[in-house]
Amino acid sequence: MASAPAQIPTSFGHELRACLRCRLVKTYDQFRESGCENCPFFKMEEDHERVVDCTTPNFNGIISVMDPTRSWAARWLRIGRFVPGVYTLAVSEALPEDLQTICEDERVQYVPPKR
């Protein structure tokens, strides 16, 4: 059974941000209100500073994924296990070290961007 989809960005302007761990794309306000559907352990909706730390406005390209488990593009981008939603093709910034530690503690994979 497919998981519930992520929120779709309410606009496609400069307020878009991408999660540094899973590359989910939403607006700043959406991350502030409901966090990241793939990374609930970051608790962005509880700590608005966390939204700035966990997301970036600097990313390249966008892809909408309806069924990540069946999409070759989702598998190629290594987002096949994430919820359906809008994702970026690439982020250039790494997740801050304290948040990488949270990923380790939660036993979730974090793949830093290639330099």
PDB file of N, CA and C in Angstrom:
ATOM      1  N   MET A   1       0.837  -1.189   0.000  1.00  0.00           N
ATOM      2  CA  MET A   1       0.000   0.000   0.000  1.00  0.00           C
ATOM      3  C   MET A   1       0.880   1.250   0.000  1.00  0.00           C
ATOM      4  N   ALA A   2       0.541   2.214  -0.802  1.00  0.00           N
ATOM      5  CA  ALA A   2       1.317   3.453  -0.893  1.00  0.00           C
ATOM      6  C   ALA A   2       1.075   4.323   0.337  1.00  0.00           C
ATOM      7  N   SER A   3       2.119   5.032   0.744  1.00  0.00           N
ATOM      8  CA  SER A   3       1.965   5.925   1.892  1.00  0.00           C
ATOM      9  C   SER A   3       1.282   7.208   1.445  1.00  0.00           C
ATOM     10  N   ALA A   4       0.762   7.945   2.419  1.00  0.00           N
ATOM     11  CA  ALA A   4       0.098   9.216   2.125  1.00  0.00           C
ATOM     12  C   ALA A   4       1.092  10.158   1.460  1.00  0.00           C
ATOM     13  N   PRO A   5       0.665  10.882   0.443  1.00  0.00           N
ATOM     14  CA  PRO A   5       1.586  11.780  -0.261  1.00  0.00           C
ATOM     15  C   PRO A   5       1.962  12.994   0.577  1.00  0.00           C
ATOM     16  N   ALA A   6       3.090  13.583   0.231  1.00  0.00           N
ATOM     17  CA  ALA A   6       3.522  14.829   0.855  1.00  0.00           C
ATOM     18  C   ALA A   6       2.673  15.974   0.321  1.00  0.00           C
ATOM     19  N   GLN A   7       2.691  17.085   1.026  1.00  0.00           N
ATOM     20  CA  GLN A   7       2.009  18.275   0.527  1.00  0.00           C
ATOM     21  C   GLN A   7       2.664  18.695  -0.784  1.00  0.00           C
ATOM     22  N   ILE A   8       1.847  19.183  -1.702  1.00  0.00           N
ATOM     23  CA  ILE A   8       2.355  19.730  -2.955  1.00  0.00           C
ATOM     24  C   ILE A   8       2.639  21.216  -2.702  1.00  0.00           C
ATOM     25  N   PRO A   9       3.757  21.737  -3.211  1.00  0.00           N
ATOM     26  CA  PRO A   9       4.040  23.162  -2.985  1.00  0.00           C
ATOM     27  C   PRO A   9       2.864  24.039  -3.410  1.00  0.00           C
ATOM     28  N   THR A  10       2.554  25.036  -2.577  1.00  0.00           N
ATOM     29  CA  THR A  10       1.422  25.919  -2.859  1.00  0.00           C
ATOM     30  C   THR A  10       1.800  27.018  -3.843  1.00  0.00           C
ATOM     31  N   SER A  11       3.108  27.190  -4.071  1.00  0.00           N
ATOM     32  CA  SER A  11       3.555  28.124  -5.099  1.00  0.00           C
ATOM     33  C   SER A  11       4.919  27.659  -5.584  1.00  0.00           C
ATOM     34  N   PHE A  12       5.319  28.143  -6.739  1.00  0.00           N
ATOM     35  CA  PHE A  12       6.602  27.720  -7.296  1.00  0.00           C
ATOM     36  C   PHE A  12       7.514  28.916  -7.506  1.00  0.00           C
ATOM     37  N   GLY A  13       7.600  29.769  -6.468  1.00  0.00           N
ATOM     38  CA  GLY A  13       8.456  30.947  -6.541  1.00  0.00           C
ATOM     39  C   GLY A  13       9.693  30.792  -5.685  1.00  0.00           C
ATOM     40  N   HIS A  14      10.195  31.919  -5.210  1.00  0.00           N
ATOM     41  CA  HIS A  14      11.437  31.934  -4.435  1.00  0.00           C
ATOM     42  C   HIS A  14      11.298  31.356  -3.039  1.00  0.00           C
ATOM     43  N   GLU A  15      10.054  31.135  -2.588  1.00  0.00           N
ATOM     44  CA  GLU A  15       9.898  30.610  -1.233  1.00  0.00           C
ATOM     45  C   GLU A  15      10.038  29.087  -1.164  1.00  0.00           C
ATOM     46  N   LEU A  16      10.293  28.452  -2.306  1.00  0.00           N
ATOM     47  CA  LEU A  16      10.487  27.000  -2.300  1.00  0.00           C
ATOM     48  C   LEU A  16      11.786  26.627  -1.610  1.00  0.00           C
ATOM     49  N   ARG A  17      11.730  25.525  -0.852  1.00  0.00           N
ATOM     50  CA  ARG A  17      12.910  24.993  -0.181  1.00  0.00           C
ATOM     51  C   ARG A  17      12.917  23.479  -0.350  1.00  0.00           C
ATOM     52  N   ALA A  18      14.098  22.878  -0.261  1.00  0.00           N
ATOM     53  CA  ALA A  18      14.228  21.422  -0.373  1.00  0.00           C
ATOM     54  C   ALA A  18      14.843  20.884   0.912  1.00  0.00           C
ATOM     55  N   CYS A  19      14.299  19.774   1.406  1.00  0.00           N
ATOM     56  CA  CYS A  19      14.858  19.111   2.584  1.00  0.00           C
ATOM     57  C   CYS A  19      16.262  18.604   2.232  1.00  0.00           C
ATOM     58  N   LEU A  20      17.215  18.881   3.098  1.00  0.00           N
ATOM     59  CA  LEU A  20      18.601  18.489   2.820  1.00  0.00           C
ATOM     60  C   LEU A  20      18.821  16.986   2.943  1.00  0.00           C
ATOM     61  N   ARG A  21      17.925  16.278   3.622  1.00  0.00           N
ATOM     62  CA  ARG A  21      18.088  14.826   3.702  1.00  0.00           C
ATOM     63  C   ARG A  21      17.384  14.110   2.543  1.00  0.00           C
ATOM     64  N   CYS A  22      16.075  14.360   2.365  1.00  0.00           N
ATOM     65  CA  CYS A  22      15.315  13.565   1.386  1.00  0.00           C
ATOM     66  C   CYS A  22      15.028  14.307   0.087  1.00  0.00           C
ATOM     67  N   ARG A  23      15.323  15.612   0.053  1.00  0.00           N
ATOM     68  CA  ARG A  23      15.140  16.446  -1.139  1.00  0.00           C
ATOM     69  C   ARG A  23      13.680  16.749  -1.480  1.00  0.00           C
ATOM     70  N   LEU A  24      12.769  16.548  -0.525  1.00  0.00           N
ATOM     71  CA  LEU A  24      11.373  16.923  -0.721  1.00  0.00           C
ATOM     72  C   LEU A  24      11.290  18.440  -0.865  1.00  0.00           C
ATOM     73  N   VAL A  25      10.474  18.908  -1.814  1.00  0.00           N
ATOM     74  CA  VAL A  25      10.334  20.344  -2.063  1.00  0.00           C
ATOM     75  C   VAL A  25       8.953  20.823  -1.624  1.00  0.00           C
ATOM     76  N   LYS A  26       8.959  21.866  -0.768  1.00  0.00           N
ATOM     77  CA  LYS A  26       7.728  22.532  -0.344  1.00  0.00           C
ATOM     78  C   LYS A  26       8.095  23.993  -0.081  1.00  0.00           C
ATOM     79  N   THR A  27       7.097  24.809   0.256  1.00  0.00           N
ATOM     80  CA  THR A  27       7.415  26.196   0.611  1.00  0.00           C
ATOM     81  C   THR A  27       7.908  26.235   2.056  1.00  0.00           C
ATOM     82  N   TYR A  28       8.578  27.320   2.399  1.00  0.00           N
ATOM     83  CA  TYR A  28       9.044  27.513   3.771  1.00  0.00           C
ATOM     84  C   TYR A  28       7.880  27.374   4.752  1.00  0.00           C
ATOM     85  N   ASP A  29       6.754  28.030   4.433  1.00  0.00           N
ATOM     86  CA  ASP A  29       5.593  27.981   5.327  1.00  0.00           C
ATOM     87  C   ASP A  29       5.066  26.562   5.502  1.00  0.00           C
ATOM     88  N   GLN A  30       5.076  25.768   4.430  1.00  0.00           N
ATOM     89  CA  GLN A  30       4.598  24.388   4.538  1.00  0.00           C
ATOM     90  C   GLN A  30       5.507  23.561   5.446  1.00  0.00           C
ATOM     91  N   PHE A  31       6.828  23.733   5.300  1.00  0.00           N
ATOM     92  CA  PHE A  31       7.739  23.022   6.206  1.00  0.00           C
ATOM     93  C   PHE A  31       7.507  23.495   7.646  1.00  0.00           C
ATOM     94  N   ARG A  32       7.278  24.796   7.830  1.00  0.00           N
ATOM     95  CA  ARG A  32       7.077  25.352   9.171  1.00  0.00           C
ATOM     96  C   ARG A  32       5.793  24.807   9.799  1.00  0.00           C
ATOM     97  N   GLU A  33       4.759  24.649   8.975  1.00  0.00           N
ATOM     98  CA  GLU A  33       3.467  24.194   9.495  1.00  0.00           C
ATOM     99  C   GLU A  33       3.405  22.689   9.719  1.00  0.00           C
ATOM    100  N   SER A  34       3.986  21.908   8.799  1.00  0.00           N
ATOM    101  CA  SER A  34       3.806  20.454   8.909  1.00  0.00           C
ATOM    102  C   SER A  34       5.099  19.652   8.815  1.00  0.00           C
ATOM    103  N   GLY A  35       6.252  20.310   8.809  1.00  0.00           N
ATOM    104  CA  GLY A  35       7.515  19.578   8.766  1.00  0.00           C
ATOM    105  C   GLY A  35       7.713  18.837   7.460  1.00  0.00           C
ATOM    106  N   CYS A  36       8.583  17.843   7.498  1.00  0.00           N
ATOM    107  CA  CYS A  36       8.882  17.028   6.319  1.00  0.00           C
ATOM    108  C   CYS A  36       8.273  15.645   6.506  1.00  0.00           C
ATOM    109  N   GLU A  37       7.486  15.216   5.537  1.00  0.00           N
ATOM    110  CA  GLU A  37       6.804  13.923   5.633  1.00  0.00           C
ATOM    111  C   GLU A  37       7.765  12.742   5.676  1.00  0.00           C
ATOM    112  N   ASN A  38       8.952  12.875   5.083  1.00  0.00           N
ATOM    113  CA  ASN A  38       9.931  11.788   5.105  1.00  0.00           C
ATOM    114  C   ASN A  38      10.847  11.839   6.320  1.00  0.00           C
ATOM    115  N   CYS A  39      10.961  13.004   6.935  1.00  0.00           N
ATOM    116  CA  CYS A  39      11.916  13.213   8.024  1.00  0.00           C
ATOM    117  C   CYS A  39      11.241  13.824   9.254  1.00  0.00           C
ATOM    118  N   PRO A  40      10.216  13.139   9.814  1.00  0.00           N
ATOM    119  CA  PRO A  40       9.483  13.713  10.944  1.00  0.00           C
ATOM    120  C   PRO A  40      10.365  13.923  12.180  1.00  0.00           C
ATOM    121  N   PHE A  41      11.452  13.158  12.275  1.00  0.00           N
ATOM    122  CA  PHE A  41      12.356  13.246  13.429  1.00  0.00           C
ATOM    123  C   PHE A  41      13.084  14.589  13.498  1.00  0.00           C
ATOM    124  N   PHE A  42      13.066  15.389  12.424  1.00  0.00           N
ATOM    125  CA  PHE A  42      13.661  16.725  12.473  1.00  0.00           C
ATOM    126  C   PHE A  42      12.748  17.722  13.207  1.00  0.00           C
ATOM    127  N   LYS A  43      11.456  17.360  13.344  1.00  0.00           N
ATOM    128  CA  LYS A  43      10.492  18.188  14.091  1.00  0.00           C
ATOM    129  C   LYS A  43      10.506  19.664  13.665  1.00  0.00           C
ATOM    130  N   MET A  44      10.531  19.888  12.354  1.00  0.00           N
ATOM    131  CA  MET A  44      10.574  21.259  11.834  1.00  0.00           C
ATOM    132  C   MET A  44       9.355  22.079  12.256  1.00  0.00           C
ATOM    133  N   GLU A  45       8.198  21.407  12.387  1.00  0.00           N
ATOM    134  CA  GLU A  45       6.977  22.133  12.746  1.00  0.00           C
ATOM    135  C   GLU A  45       7.025  22.637  14.196  1.00  0.00           C
ATOM    136  N   GLU A  46       7.918  22.079  15.018  1.00  0.00           N
ATOM    137  CA  GLU A  46       8.034  22.505  16.413  1.00  0.00           C
ATOM    138  C   GLU A  46       9.077  23.597  16.598  1.00  0.00           C
ATOM    139  N   ASP A  47      10.062  23.648  15.699  1.00  0.00           N
ATOM    140  CA  ASP A  47      11.181  24.581  15.851  1.00  0.00           C
ATOM    141  C   ASP A  47      11.440  25.243  14.498  1.00  0.00           C
ATOM    142  N   HIS A  48      10.999  26.497  14.367  1.00  0.00           N
ATOM    143  CA  HIS A  48      11.070  27.163  13.071  1.00  0.00           C
ATOM    144  C   HIS A  48      12.501  27.413  12.607  1.00  0.00           C
ATOM    145  N   GLU A  49      13.452  27.516  13.553  1.00  0.00           N
ATOM    146  CA  GLU A  49      14.860  27.634  13.157  1.00  0.00           C
ATOM    147  C   GLU A  49      15.309  26.364  12.444  1.00  0.00           C
ATOM    148  N   ARG A  50      14.721  25.258  12.849  1.00  0.00           N
ATOM    149  CA  ARG A  50      15.061  23.957  12.272  1.00  0.00           C
ATOM    150  C   ARG A  50      14.740  23.920  10.781  1.00  0.00           C
ATOM    151  N   VAL A  51      13.681  24.627  10.361  1.00  0.00           N
ATOM    152  CA  VAL A  51      13.339  24.667   8.935  1.00  0.00           C
ATOM    153  C   VAL A  51      14.517  25.232   8.135  1.00  0.00           C
ATOM    154  N   VAL A  52      15.121  26.296   8.655  1.00  0.00           N
ATOM    155  CA  VAL A  52      16.257  26.920   7.966  1.00  0.00           C
ATOM    156  C   VAL A  52      17.461  25.969   7.944  1.00  0.00           C
ATOM    157  N   ASP A  53      17.661  25.232   9.064  1.00  0.00           N
ATOM    158  CA  ASP A  53      18.800  24.315   9.153  1.00  0.00           C
ATOM    159  C   ASP A  53      18.635  23.070   8.286  1.00  0.00           C
ATOM    160  N   CYS A  54      17.399  22.589   8.157  1.00  0.00           N
ATOM    161  CA  CYS A  54      17.139  21.315   7.479  1.00  0.00           C
ATOM    162  C   CYS A  54      16.818  21.460   5.998  1.00  0.00           C
ATOM    163  N   THR A  55      16.554  22.693   5.548  1.00  0.00           N
ATOM    164  CA  THR A  55      16.152  22.885   4.157  1.00  0.00           C
ATOM    165  C   THR A  55      17.022  23.950   3.500  1.00  0.00           C
ATOM    166  N   THR A  56      16.969  23.986   2.176  1.00  0.00           N
ATOM    167  CA  THR A  56      17.746  24.974   1.435  1.00  0.00           C
ATOM    168  C   THR A  56      16.932  25.521   0.268  1.00  0.00           C
ATOM    169  N   PRO A  57      17.108  26.803  -0.048  1.00  0.00           N
ATOM    170  CA  PRO A  57      16.459  27.346  -1.244  1.00  0.00           C
ATOM    171  C   PRO A  57      17.306  27.084  -2.497  1.00  0.00           C
ATOM    172  N   ASN A  58      18.499  26.511  -2.316  1.00  0.00           N
ATOM    173  CA  ASN A  58      19.426  26.274  -3.428  1.00  0.00           C
ATOM    174  C   ASN A  58      19.370  24.824  -3.880  1.00  0.00           C
ATOM    175  N   PHE A  59      18.669  24.601  -4.981  1.00  0.00           N
ATOM    176  CA  PHE A  59      18.586  23.244  -5.518  1.00  0.00           C
ATOM    177  C   PHE A  59      18.388  23.313  -7.019  1.00  0.00           C
ATOM    178  N   ASN A  60      18.610  22.183  -7.679  1.00  0.00           N
ATOM    179  CA  ASN A  60      18.515  22.119  -9.140  1.00  0.00           C
ATOM    180  C   ASN A  60      17.448  21.141  -9.586  1.00  0.00           C
ATOM    181  N   GLY A  61      16.537  21.629 -10.423  1.00  0.00           N
ATOM    182  CA  GLY A  61      15.541  20.763 -11.044  1.00  0.00           C
ATOM    183  C   GLY A  61      14.473  20.303 -10.077  1.00  0.00           C
ATOM    184  N   ILE A  62      13.372  19.829 -10.653  1.00  0.00           N
ATOM    185  CA  ILE A  62      12.236  19.388  -9.852  1.00  0.00           C
ATOM    186  C   ILE A  62      11.594  18.196 -10.549  1.00  0.00           C
ATOM    187  N   ILE A  63      11.143  17.236  -9.750  1.00  0.00           N
ATOM    188  CA  ILE A  63      10.442  16.080 -10.300  1.00  0.00           C
ATOM    189  C   ILE A  63       9.254  15.786  -9.391  1.00  0.00           C
ATOM    190  N   SER A  64       8.124  15.477  -9.991  1.00  0.00           N
ATOM    191  CA  SER A  64       6.963  15.046  -9.216  1.00  0.00           C
ATOM    192  C   SER A  64       6.886  13.534  -9.301  1.00  0.00           C
ATOM    193  N   VAL A  65       6.744  12.891  -8.158  1.00  0.00           N
ATOM    194  CA  VAL A  65       6.731  11.428  -8.111  1.00  0.00           C
ATOM    195  C   VAL A  65       5.404  10.969  -7.512  1.00  0.00           C
ATOM    196  N   MET A  66       4.610  10.257  -8.324  1.00  0.00           N
ATOM    197  CA  MET A  66       3.303   9.784  -7.862  1.00  0.00           C
ATOM    198  C   MET A  66       3.411   8.430  -7.168  1.00  0.00           C
ATOM    199  N   ASP A  67       4.242   7.539  -7.707  1.00  0.00           N
ATOM    200  CA  ASP A  67       4.402   6.195  -7.153  1.00  0.00           C
ATOM    201  C   ASP A  67       5.895   5.886  -7.095  1.00  0.00           C
ATOM    202  N   PRO A  68       6.564   6.342  -6.020  1.00  0.00           N
ATOM    203  CA  PRO A  68       8.023   6.207  -5.931  1.00  0.00           C
ATOM    204  C   PRO A  68       8.520   4.774  -6.086  1.00  0.00           C
ATOM    205  N   THR A  69       7.742   3.786  -5.632  1.00  0.00           N
ATOM    206  CA  THR A  69       8.211   2.405  -5.696  1.00  0.00           C
ATOM    207  C   THR A  69       8.260   1.877  -7.132  1.00  0.00           C
ATOM    208  N   ARG A  70       7.455   2.442  -8.031  1.00  0.00           N
ATOM    209  CA  ARG A  70       7.405   1.963  -9.407  1.00  0.00           C
ATOM    210  C   ARG A  70       8.105   2.883 -10.402  1.00  0.00           C
ATOM    211  N   SER A  71       8.595   4.043  -9.926  1.00  0.00           N
ATOM    212  CA  SER A  71       9.207   5.021 -10.819  1.00  0.00           C
ATOM    213  C   SER A  71      10.700   4.754 -10.982  1.00  0.00           C
ATOM    214  N   TRP A  72      11.145   4.553 -12.214  1.00  0.00           N
ATOM    215  CA  TRP A  72      12.587   4.343 -12.429  1.00  0.00           C
ATOM    216  C   TRP A  72      13.352   5.602 -12.070  1.00  0.00           C
ATOM    217  N   ALA A  73      12.736   6.772 -12.325  1.00  0.00           N
ATOM    218  CA  ALA A  73      13.404   8.033 -12.002  1.00  0.00           C
ATOM    219  C   ALA A  73      13.574   8.172 -10.486  1.00  0.00           C
ATOM    220  N   ALA A  74      12.565   7.768  -9.734  1.00  0.00           N
ATOM    221  CA  ALA A  74      12.655   7.827  -8.267  1.00  0.00           C
ATOM    222  C   ALA A  74      13.751   6.889  -7.772  1.00  0.00           C
ATOM    223  N   ARG A  75      13.822   5.701  -8.355  1.00  0.00           N
ATOM    224  CA  ARG A  75      14.889   4.767  -7.949  1.00  0.00           C
ATOM    225  C   ARG A  75      16.252   5.341  -8.298  1.00  0.00           C
ATOM    226  N   TRP A  76      16.373   5.919  -9.496  1.00  0.00           N
ATOM    227  CA  TRP A  76      17.642   6.495  -9.950  1.00  0.00           C
ATOM    228  C   TRP A  76      18.081   7.632  -9.033  1.00  0.00           C
ATOM    229  N   LEU A  77      17.112   8.421  -8.559  1.00  0.00           N
ATOM    230  CA  LEU A  77      17.400   9.540  -7.655  1.00  0.00           C
ATOM    231  C   LEU A  77      17.487   9.096  -6.192  1.00  0.00           C
ATOM    232  N   ARG A  78      17.303   7.807  -5.958  1.00  0.00           N
ATOM    233  CA  ARG A  78      17.321   7.224  -4.608  1.00  0.00           C
ATOM    234  C   ARG A  78      16.240   7.820  -3.702  1.00  0.00           C
ATOM    235  N   ILE A  79      15.063   8.056  -4.283  1.00  0.00           N
ATOM    236  CA  ILE A  79      13.929   8.527  -3.476  1.00  0.00           C
ATOM    237  C   ILE A  79      12.768   7.536  -3.564  1.00  0.00           C
ATOM    238  N   GLY A  80      13.037   6.317  -4.009  1.00  0.00           N
ATOM    239  CA  GLY A  80      12.006   5.300  -4.197  1.00  0.00           C
ATOM    240  C   GLY A  80      11.309   4.860  -2.923  1.00  0.00           C
ATOM    241  N   ARG A  81      11.930   5.106  -1.771  1.00  0.00           N
ATOM    242  CA  ARG A  81      11.308   4.701  -0.503  1.00  0.00           C
ATOM    243  C   ARG A  81      10.614   5.854   0.197  1.00  0.00           C
ATOM    244  N   PHE A  82      10.622   7.027  -0.425  1.00  0.00           N
ATOM    245  CA  PHE A  82       9.985   8.189   0.188  1.00  0.00           C
ATOM    246  C   PHE A  82       8.530   8.309  -0.246  1.00  0.00           C
ATOM    247  N   VAL A  83       7.794   9.213   0.401  1.00  0.00           N
ATOM    248  CA  VAL A  83       6.377   9.391   0.080  1.00  0.00           C
ATOM    249  C   VAL A  83       6.229  10.082  -1.276  1.00  0.00           C
ATOM    250  N   PRO A  84       5.099   9.863  -1.961  1.00  0.00           N
ATOM    251  CA  PRO A  84       4.857  10.596  -3.207  1.00  0.00           C
ATOM    252  C   PRO A  84       4.916  12.098  -2.935  1.00  0.00           C
ATOM    253  N   GLY A  85       5.439  12.847  -3.892  1.00  0.00           N
ATOM    254  CA  GLY A  85       5.529  14.293  -3.709  1.00  0.00           C
ATOM    255  C   GLY A  85       6.411  14.933  -4.758  1.00  0.00           C
ATOM    256  N   VAL A  86       6.814  16.171  -4.495  1.00  0.00           N
ATOM    257  CA  VAL A  86       7.668  16.939  -5.396  1.00  0.00           C
ATOM    258  C   VAL A  86       9.071  16.949  -4.793  1.00  0.00           C
ATOM    259  N   TYR A  87      10.050  16.571  -5.608  1.00  0.00           N
ATOM    260  CA  TYR A  87      11.432  16.472  -5.141  1.00  0.00           C
ATOM    261  C   TYR A  87      12.360  17.254  -6.057  1.00  0.00           C
ATOM    262  N   THR A  88      13.524  17.618  -5.522  1.00  0.00           N
ATOM    263  CA  THR A  88      14.539  18.231  -6.355  1.00  0.00           C
ATOM    264  C   THR A  88      15.484  17.149  -6.853  1.00  0.00           C
ATOM    265  N   LEU A  89      16.116  17.404  -7.977  1.00  0.00           N
ATOM    266  CA  LEU A  89      17.081  16.453  -8.528  1.00  0.00           C
ATOM    267  C   LEU A  89      18.376  16.482  -7.729  1.00  0.00           C
ATOM    268  N   ALA A  90      18.763  17.660  -7.216  1.00  0.00           N
ATOM    269  CA  ALA A  90      20.023  17.768  -6.490  1.00  0.00           C
ATOM    270  C   ALA A  90      20.046  18.978  -5.572  1.00  0.00           C
ATOM    271  N   VAL A  91      20.603  18.770  -4.369  1.00  0.00           N
ATOM    272  CA  VAL A  91      20.931  19.885  -3.483  1.00  0.00           C
ATOM    273  C   VAL A  91      22.451  19.932  -3.397  1.00  0.00           C
ATOM    274  N   SER A  92      22.993  21.129  -3.183  1.00  0.00           N
ATOM    275  CA  SER A  92      24.453  21.251  -3.153  1.00  0.00           C
ATOM    276  C   SER A  92      25.001  21.410  -1.741  1.00  0.00           C
ATOM    277  N   GLU A  93      24.111  21.631  -0.764  1.00  0.00           N
ATOM    278  CA  GLU A  93      24.556  21.827   0.612  1.00  0.00           C
ATOM    279  C   GLU A  93      24.415  20.535   1.411  1.00  0.00           C
ATOM    280  N   ALA A  94      25.290  20.374   2.396  1.00  0.00           N
ATOM    281  CA  ALA A  94      25.207  19.219   3.290  1.00  0.00           C
ATOM    282  C   ALA A  94      24.345  19.569   4.501  1.00  0.00           C
ATOM    283  N   LEU A  95      23.775  18.543   5.093  1.00  0.00           N
ATOM    284  CA  LEU A  95      23.022  18.692   6.330  1.00  0.00           C
ATOM    285  C   LEU A  95      24.005  19.035   7.446  1.00  0.00           C
ATOM    286  N   PRO A  96      23.678  20.011   8.320  1.00  0.00           N
ATOM    287  CA  PRO A  96      24.578  20.329   9.432  1.00  0.00           C
ATOM    288  C   PRO A  96      24.885  19.081  10.275  1.00  0.00           C
ATOM    289  N   GLU A  97      26.072  19.051  10.869  1.00  0.00           N
ATOM    290  CA  GLU A  97      26.527  17.845  11.578  1.00  0.00           C
ATOM    291  C   GLU A  97      25.598  17.402  12.696  1.00  0.00           C
ATOM    292  N   ASP A  98      25.015  18.365  13.456  1.00  0.00           N
ATOM    293  CA  ASP A  98      24.124  17.962  14.548  1.00  0.00           C
ATOM    294  C   ASP A  98      22.881  17.252  14.003  1.00  0.00           C
ATOM    295  N   LEU A  99      22.459  17.626  12.798  1.00  0.00           N
ATOM    296  CA  LEU A  99      21.302  16.972  12.189  1.00  0.00           C
ATOM    297  C   LEU A  99      21.692  15.639  11.551  1.00  0.00           C
ATOM    298  N   GLN A 100      22.941  15.520  11.092  1.00  0.00           N
ATOM    299  CA  GLN A 100      23.436  14.227  10.623  1.00  0.00           C
ATOM    300  C   GLN A 100      23.455  13.236  11.790  1.00  0.00           C
ATOM    301  N   THR A 101      23.787  13.737  12.986  1.00  0.00           N
ATOM    302  CA  THR A 101      23.789  12.891  14.179  1.00  0.00           C
ATOM    303  C   THR A 101      22.376  12.392  14.488  1.00  0.00           C
ATOM    304  N   ILE A 102      21.370  13.270  14.302  1.00  0.00           N
ATOM    305  CA  ILE A 102      19.976  12.853  14.499  1.00  0.00           C
ATOM    306  C   ILE A 102      19.644  11.711  13.539  1.00  0.00           C
ATOM    307  N   CYS A 103      20.077  11.819  12.286  1.00  0.00           N
ATOM    308  CA  CYS A 103      19.840  10.745  11.307  1.00  0.00           C
ATOM    309  C   CYS A 103      20.456   9.437  11.791  1.00  0.00           C
ATOM    310  N   GLU A 104      21.699   9.517  12.284  1.00  0.00           N
ATOM    311  CA  GLU A 104      22.366   8.307  12.801  1.00  0.00           C
ATOM    312  C   GLU A 104      21.580   7.730  13.970  1.00  0.00           C
ATOM    313  N   ASP A 105      21.155   8.607  14.902  1.00  0.00           N
ATOM    314  CA  ASP A 105      20.399   8.159  16.072  1.00  0.00           C
ATOM    315  C   ASP A 105      19.084   7.503  15.666  1.00  0.00           C
ATOM    316  N   GLU A 106      18.461   8.025  14.605  1.00  0.00           N
ATOM    317  CA  GLU A 106      17.180   7.500  14.122  1.00  0.00           C
ATOM    318  C   GLU A 106      17.382   6.309  13.173  1.00  0.00           C
ATOM    319  N   ARG A 107      18.634   5.988  12.884  1.00  0.00           N
ATOM    320  CA  ARG A 107      18.996   4.897  11.963  1.00  0.00           C
ATOM    321  C   ARG A 107      18.398   5.089  10.567  1.00  0.00           C
ATOM    322  N   VAL A 108      18.438   6.347  10.093  1.00  0.00           N
ATOM    323  CA  VAL A 108      17.990   6.634   8.733  1.00  0.00           C
ATOM    324  C   VAL A 108      19.207   7.061   7.921  1.00  0.00           C
ATOM    325  N   GLN A 109      19.201   6.679   6.654  1.00  0.00           N
ATOM    326  CA  GLN A 109      20.328   6.982   5.797  1.00  0.00           C
ATOM    327  C   GLN A 109      20.368   8.457   5.438  1.00  0.00           C
ATOM    328  N   TYR A 110      21.576   9.006   5.477  1.00  0.00           N
ATOM    329  CA  TYR A 110      21.799  10.350   4.954  1.00  0.00           C
ATOM    330  C   TYR A 110      22.965  10.270   3.980  1.00  0.00           C
ATOM    331  N   VAL A 111      22.725  10.685   2.749  1.00  0.00           N
ATOM    332  CA  VAL A 111      23.767  10.687   1.728  1.00  0.00           C
ATOM    333  C   VAL A 111      24.120  12.137   1.415  1.00  0.00           C
ATOM    334  N   PRO A 112      25.332  12.594   1.819  1.00  0.00           N
ATOM    335  CA  PRO A 112      25.695  13.988   1.537  1.00  0.00           C
ATOM    336  C   PRO A 112      25.839  14.218   0.029  1.00  0.00           C
ATOM    337  N   PRO A 113      25.665  15.473  -0.416  1.00  0.00           N
ATOM    338  CA  PRO A 113      25.782  15.755  -1.851  1.00  0.00           C
ATOM    339  C   PRO A 113      27.202  15.539  -2.330  1.00  0.00           C
ATOM    340  N   LYS A 114      27.324  15.129  -3.590  1.00  0.00           N
ATOM    341  CA  LYS A 114      28.643  14.939  -4.177  1.00  0.00           C
ATOM    342  C   LYS A 114      29.252  16.302  -4.471  1.00  0.00           C
ATOM    343  N   ARG A 115      30.501  16.444  -4.184  1.00  0.00           N
ATOM    344  CA  ARG A 115      31.186  17.718  -4.432  1.00  0.00           C
ATOM    345  C   ARG A 115      31.713  17.773  -5.845  1.00  0.00           C
TER     346      ARG A 115
END
